[in-house]
Amino acid sequence: MIRAVPIATFLAGAVSSSCAGVDKTLNASDLSTCGADNPSAWSQLDQPPVEAENLRALAVADYYKPTVDPMEWWLIRSDQELILCKSERFPQKSTEGAWWKFERHNGNWTVVDQNGWIVVS
């Protein structure tokens, strides 16, 4: 069960040691690739949310099995809406990736949309 937490606590989290010191700022095209239907309405989190592990567990996808440890981005539109985006490098430059959109209802997070991409040449 995923518990509700105050927004200040929710937005705080630890930066992954594998990502420390790396600029992972996404542009509007990357945000769109990651499922942000209106990129200007979404903000990129500097750190994973406190509930990241629980949300990652909800984001299991059999079709996305990266060959390398993927980069990860978290986007927020409100304290009730999040997107997790994963790819081997910045989304617009990557050959594969996936995203999951979450919404919180009655204190519980659910996946409300998901998609992935692969570039075939």
Protein backbone atom coordinates (compact mmCIF):
# COMPACT_ATOMS: atom_id res chain seq x y z
CA MET A 1 0.00 0.00 0.00
CA ILE A 2 1.30 3.45 -0.86
CA ARG A 3 0.75 6.05 1.80
CA ALA A 4 0.02 9.73 1.33
CA VAL A 5 2.64 12.20 2.53
CA PRO A 6 2.75 15.99 2.70
CA ILE A 7 3.93 17.66 -0.51
CA ALA A 8 7.15 18.97 1.09
CA THR A 9 8.06 15.46 2.19
CA PHE A 10 6.90 14.00 -1.09
CA LEU A 11 9.20 16.26 -3.12
CA ALA A 12 12.23 15.52 -0.97
CA GLY A 13 14.34 12.48 -1.76
CA ALA A 14 17.87 11.28 -2.19
CA VAL A 15 19.70 11.77 -5.45
CA SER A 16 20.83 8.50 -6.94
CA SER A 17 24.59 8.15 -6.57
CA SER A 18 24.86 7.11 -10.21
CA CYS A 19 23.36 10.43 -11.29
CA ALA A 20 25.12 12.81 -8.91
CA GLY A 21 26.88 15.63 -10.70
CA VAL A 22 25.29 14.91 -14.11
CA ASP A 23 23.09 17.58 -15.69
CA LYS A 24 19.93 15.72 -16.64
CA THR A 25 17.75 18.71 -17.56
CA LEU A 26 15.18 17.82 -20.20
CA ASN A 27 13.98 20.16 -22.95
CA ALA A 28 10.38 20.46 -24.20
CA SER A 29 10.91 17.75 -26.87
CA ASP A 30 12.25 15.36 -24.23
CA LEU A 31 9.27 16.12 -21.99
CA SER A 32 6.89 15.28 -24.86
CA THR A 33 8.75 12.04 -25.57
CA CYS A 34 8.31 11.22 -21.87
CA GLY A 35 4.52 11.51 -22.03
CA ALA A 36 4.07 15.12 -20.91
CA ASP A 37 1.04 16.01 -23.05
CA ASN A 38 1.52 19.75 -22.35
CA PRO A 39 5.25 20.15 -21.58
CA SER A 40 4.86 23.66 -20.15
CA ALA A 41 2.54 22.29 -17.45
CA TRP A 42 5.13 19.80 -16.17
CA SER A 43 8.27 20.41 -14.10
CA GLN A 44 11.26 18.18 -13.75
CA LEU A 45 12.10 17.08 -10.21
CA ASP A 46 15.74 17.42 -9.15
CA GLN A 47 15.42 14.32 -6.99
CA PRO A 48 13.23 11.22 -7.06
CA PRO A 49 10.11 11.49 -4.89
CA VAL A 50 10.17 9.80 -1.49
CA GLU A 51 7.79 7.15 -2.83
CA ALA A 52 10.00 6.41 -5.86
CA GLU A 53 10.60 2.75 -4.99
CA ASN A 54 6.86 2.07 -4.68
CA LEU A 55 6.18 3.91 -7.94
CA ARG A 56 8.96 2.02 -9.74
CA ALA A 57 7.34 -1.22 -8.60
CA LEU A 58 4.08 -0.10 -10.22
CA ALA A 59 5.97 0.70 -13.43
CA VAL A 60 6.95 -2.84 -14.28
CA ALA A 61 6.85 -3.31 -18.04
CA ASP A 62 7.79 -6.53 -19.78
CA TYR A 63 8.39 -4.74 -23.08
CA TYR A 64 11.10 -2.42 -21.73
CA LYS A 65 14.26 -4.37 -20.98
CA PRO A 66 17.16 -1.95 -21.51
CA THR A 67 20.57 -3.33 -22.37
CA VAL A 68 22.23 -0.73 -20.12
CA ASP A 69 21.26 0.77 -16.78
CA PRO A 70 18.81 3.48 -17.90
CA MET A 71 18.78 7.12 -16.88
CA GLU A 72 15.68 8.16 -14.99
CA TRP A 73 13.66 11.38 -14.87
CA TRP A 74 10.73 12.34 -12.66
CA LEU A 75 8.19 14.94 -13.82
CA ILE A 76 5.47 16.56 -11.75
CA ARG A 77 2.36 18.53 -12.68
CA SER A 78 0.82 18.55 -9.20
CA ASP A 79 1.24 16.59 -5.99
CA GLN A 80 -1.31 14.20 -7.52
CA GLU A 81 0.36 13.65 -10.92
CA LEU A 82 3.82 12.28 -11.74
CA ILE A 83 5.64 10.80 -14.72
CA LEU A 84 8.60 8.42 -14.53
CA CYS A 85 10.66 8.37 -17.73
CA LYS A 86 13.56 5.98 -18.41
CA SER A 87 15.94 5.71 -21.35
CA GLU A 88 19.59 4.95 -21.99
CA ARG A 89 20.31 8.68 -22.58
CA PHE A 90 18.29 11.86 -23.14
CA PRO A 91 14.91 10.78 -24.59
CA GLN A 92 15.14 12.61 -27.94
CA LYS A 93 18.61 11.09 -28.53
CA SER A 94 17.84 7.61 -27.26
CA THR A 95 17.03 4.54 -29.28
CA GLU A 96 14.70 3.12 -26.63
CA GLY A 97 12.84 4.18 -23.55
CA ALA A 98 9.59 4.07 -21.63
CA TRP A 99 7.42 6.26 -19.42
CA TRP A 100 4.65 5.82 -16.87
CA LYS A 101 2.13 8.43 -15.77
CA PHE A 102 0.85 8.13 -12.20
CA GLU A 103 -2.10 9.74 -10.44
CA ARG A 104 -2.90 9.65 -6.76
CA HIS A 105 -6.52 8.93 -5.83
CA ASN A 106 -7.62 8.63 -2.20
CA GLY A 107 -3.97 8.49 -1.12
CA ASN A 108 -3.04 5.62 -3.47
CA TRP A 109 -0.91 5.90 -6.61
CA THR A 110 -1.96 4.15 -9.81
CA VAL A 111 -0.51 3.98 -13.32
CA VAL A 112 -2.98 5.79 -15.58
CA ASP A 113 -0.96 5.69 -18.80
CA GLN A 114 2.28 4.26 -20.12
CA ASN A 115 4.17 3.99 -23.36
CA GLY A 116 7.57 3.25 -24.79
CA TRP A 117 9.62 3.83 -27.88
CA ILE A 118 12.26 2.02 -29.90
CA VAL A 119 14.13 3.27 -32.95
CA VAL A 120 14.68 0.70 -35.66
CA SER A 121 17.24 1.48 -38.35
